[in-house]
Amino acid sequence: MSVQAVNEAKYEELIGSGATVLLDFYADWCGPCRMLSPVIEQIADEHPEIVVGKVNVDEENALAMRFGIVSIPFVALIKNGEVVARSLGYRQKDELLSVLGL
């Protein structure tokens, strides 16, 4: 499954659907975010049961503030509307999957 761009309206739609959602909060200028991007894409391909989205914190400041984002990259796993796991900073895929419980 492909990675979706997520804005506040899309976020509300995803949460309302009851889907398990993995959100990657990033910025285009962030080096570690660019390093993490292929890892996020691999996770999306390998876990079609999860909706994977990217939130550009420069464009979606209100959504980033809802999550209390102060540093990026920040990855959140959301089930039933609740954040059940989170990761801050760049991590290799195996480590990220372990932290997220996937």
C-alpha atoms as a PDB file:
ATOM      1  CA  MET A   1       0.000   0.000   0.000  1.00  0.00           C
ATOM      2  CA  SER A   2       1.255   3.476  -0.741  1.00  0.00           C
ATOM      3  CA  VAL A   3       2.049   6.205   1.744  1.00  0.00           C
ATOM      4  CA  GLN A   4      -0.625   8.915   1.901  1.00  0.00           C
ATOM      5  CA  ALA A   5      -0.189  12.615   2.525  1.00  0.00           C
ATOM      6  CA  VAL A   6      -2.217  13.412   5.624  1.00  0.00           C
ATOM      7  CA  ASN A   7      -3.725  16.749   6.538  1.00  0.00           C
ATOM      8  CA  GLU A   8      -6.083  17.457   9.429  1.00  0.00           C
ATOM      9  CA  ALA A   9      -9.227  16.484   7.478  1.00  0.00           C
ATOM     10  CA  LYS A  10      -7.642  13.249   6.231  1.00  0.00           C
ATOM     11  CA  TYR A  11      -6.487  12.462   9.779  1.00  0.00           C
ATOM     12  CA  GLU A  12     -10.049  12.807  11.083  1.00  0.00           C
ATOM     13  CA  GLU A  13     -11.291  10.548   8.280  1.00  0.00           C
ATOM     14  CA  LEU A  14      -8.672   7.873   9.037  1.00  0.00           C
ATOM     15  CA  ILE A  15      -9.306   7.921  12.780  1.00  0.00           C
ATOM     16  CA  GLY A  16     -13.052   7.830  12.200  1.00  0.00           C
ATOM     17  CA  SER A  17     -12.672   4.737  10.025  1.00  0.00           C
ATOM     18  CA  GLY A  18     -11.193   2.742  12.924  1.00  0.00           C
ATOM     19  CA  ALA A  19      -8.123   1.859  10.841  1.00  0.00           C
ATOM     20  CA  THR A  20      -4.734   1.207  12.382  1.00  0.00           C
ATOM     21  CA  VAL A  21      -2.697   4.215  11.275  1.00  0.00           C
ATOM     22  CA  LEU A  22       1.046   4.845  11.202  1.00  0.00           C
ATOM     23  CA  LEU A  23       1.880   8.544  10.895  1.00  0.00           C
ATOM     24  CA  ASP A  24       5.308   9.910  10.035  1.00  0.00           C
ATOM     25  CA  PHE A  25       5.663  13.568  11.037  1.00  0.00           C
ATOM     26  CA  TYR A  26       8.414  15.135   8.919  1.00  0.00           C
ATOM     27  CA  ALA A  27       9.702  18.240   7.141  1.00  0.00           C
ATOM     28  CA  ASP A  28      11.313  18.467   3.720  1.00  0.00           C
ATOM     29  CA  TRP A  29      14.390  20.222   5.145  1.00  0.00           C
ATOM     30  CA  CYS A  30      14.998  17.535   7.823  1.00  0.00           C
ATOM     31  CA  GLY A  31      17.906  15.199   6.994  1.00  0.00           C
ATOM     32  CA  PRO A  32      16.896  12.389   9.381  1.00  0.00           C
ATOM     33  CA  CYS A  33      13.337  12.636   8.008  1.00  0.00           C
ATOM     34  CA  ARG A  34      14.637  12.095   4.470  1.00  0.00           C
ATOM     35  CA  MET A  35      16.637   9.093   5.711  1.00  0.00           C
ATOM     36  CA  LEU A  36      13.524   7.632   7.367  1.00  0.00           C
ATOM     37  CA  SER A  37      11.274   8.094   4.327  1.00  0.00           C
ATOM     38  CA  PRO A  38      12.334   4.882   2.503  1.00  0.00           C
ATOM     39  CA  VAL A  39      11.879   2.924   5.743  1.00  0.00           C
ATOM     40  CA  ILE A  40       8.318   4.259   6.067  1.00  0.00           C
ATOM     41  CA  GLU A  41       7.636   3.294   2.438  1.00  0.00           C
ATOM     42  CA  GLN A  42       8.935  -0.246   3.072  1.00  0.00           C
ATOM     43  CA  ILE A  43       6.698  -0.592   6.120  1.00  0.00           C
ATOM     44  CA  ALA A  44       3.711   0.564   4.047  1.00  0.00           C
ATOM     45  CA  ASP A  45       4.507  -2.076   1.403  1.00  0.00           C
ATOM     46  CA  GLU A  46       5.057  -4.860   3.942  1.00  0.00           C
ATOM     47  CA  HIS A  47       2.046  -4.067   6.176  1.00  0.00           C
ATOM     48  CA  PRO A  48      -1.010  -3.520   3.967  1.00  0.00           C
ATOM     49  CA  GLU A  49      -3.236  -3.873   7.044  1.00  0.00           C
ATOM     50  CA  ILE A  50      -1.925  -0.507   8.290  1.00  0.00           C
ATOM     51  CA  VAL A  51      -2.739   2.858   6.737  1.00  0.00           C
ATOM     52  CA  VAL A  52       0.572   4.712   6.485  1.00  0.00           C
ATOM     53  CA  GLY A  53       0.596   8.476   6.202  1.00  0.00           C
ATOM     54  CA  LYS A  54       3.053  11.348   6.221  1.00  0.00           C
ATOM     55  CA  VAL A  55       2.341  14.665   7.905  1.00  0.00           C
ATOM     56  CA  ASN A  56       4.425  17.652   6.801  1.00  0.00           C
ATOM     57  CA  VAL A  57       4.784  19.635  10.036  1.00  0.00           C
ATOM     58  CA  ASP A  58       5.475  22.872   8.139  1.00  0.00           C
ATOM     59  CA  GLU A  59       2.160  22.583   6.272  1.00  0.00           C
ATOM     60  CA  GLU A  60       0.075  20.914   9.011  1.00  0.00           C
ATOM     61  CA  ASN A  61       1.165  22.839  12.085  1.00  0.00           C
ATOM     62  CA  ALA A  62      -2.172  22.399  13.898  1.00  0.00           C
ATOM     63  CA  LEU A  63      -2.042  18.616  13.523  1.00  0.00           C
ATOM     64  CA  ALA A  64       1.580  18.550  14.689  1.00  0.00           C
ATOM     65  CA  MET A  65       0.569  20.608  17.719  1.00  0.00           C
ATOM     66  CA  ARG A  66      -2.226  18.111  18.543  1.00  0.00           C
ATOM     67  CA  PHE A  67       0.470  15.455  18.845  1.00  0.00           C
ATOM     68  CA  GLY A  68       2.815  17.733  20.798  1.00  0.00           C
ATOM     69  CA  ILE A  69       5.525  17.447  18.158  1.00  0.00           C
ATOM     70  CA  VAL A  70       8.668  19.325  19.193  1.00  0.00           C
ATOM     71  CA  SER A  71      11.217  17.253  17.290  1.00  0.00           C
ATOM     72  CA  ILE A  72      11.147  15.251  14.059  1.00  0.00           C
ATOM     73  CA  PRO A  73      11.054  12.687  12.635  1.00  0.00           C
ATOM     74  CA  PHE A  74       8.267  11.490  14.926  1.00  0.00           C
ATOM     75  CA  VAL A  75       6.339   8.313  14.144  1.00  0.00           C
ATOM     76  CA  ALA A  76       3.076   7.399  15.867  1.00  0.00           C
ATOM     77  CA  LEU A  77       1.098   4.153  15.676  1.00  0.00           C
ATOM     78  CA  ILE A  78      -2.601   4.753  16.299  1.00  0.00           C
ATOM     79  CA  LYS A  79      -5.198   2.067  17.033  1.00  0.00           C
ATOM     80  CA  ASN A  80      -8.840   2.838  17.795  1.00  0.00           C
ATOM     81  CA  GLY A  81      -8.008   6.537  17.849  1.00  0.00           C
ATOM     82  CA  GLU A  82      -5.316   6.169  20.538  1.00  0.00           C
ATOM     83  CA  VAL A  83      -1.547   6.474  20.158  1.00  0.00           C
ATOM     84  CA  VAL A  84      -0.242   3.056  21.217  1.00  0.00           C
ATOM     85  CA  ALA A  85       3.419   3.463  20.244  1.00  0.00           C
ATOM     86  CA  ARG A  86       5.750   6.239  19.202  1.00  0.00           C
ATOM     87  CA  SER A  87       9.271   6.723  17.970  1.00  0.00           C
ATOM     88  CA  LEU A  88      11.382   9.878  17.882  1.00  0.00           C
ATOM     89  CA  GLY A  89      14.343  10.350  15.540  1.00  0.00           C
ATOM     90  CA  TYR A  90      15.755   8.149  12.816  1.00  0.00           C
ATOM     91  CA  ARG A  91      15.743   4.391  13.401  1.00  0.00           C
ATOM     92  CA  GLN A  92      16.608   1.530  11.106  1.00  0.00           C
ATOM     93  CA  LYS A  93      13.611  -0.495   9.958  1.00  0.00           C
ATOM     94  CA  ASP A  94      14.044  -3.472  12.325  1.00  0.00           C
ATOM     95  CA  GLU A  95      14.467  -1.194  15.333  1.00  0.00           C
ATOM     96  CA  LEU A  96      11.482   0.957  14.329  1.00  0.00           C
ATOM     97  CA  LEU A  97       9.275  -2.113  13.866  1.00  0.00           C
ATOM     98  CA  SER A  98      10.337  -3.382  17.286  1.00  0.00           C
ATOM     99  CA  VAL A  99       9.632  -0.048  19.003  1.00  0.00           C
ATOM    100  CA  LEU A 100       6.220   0.105  17.329  1.00  0.00           C
ATOM    101  CA  GLY A 101       5.416  -3.525  18.145  1.00  0.00           C
ATOM    102  CA  LEU A 102       4.960  -4.521  14.491  1.00  0.00           C
END
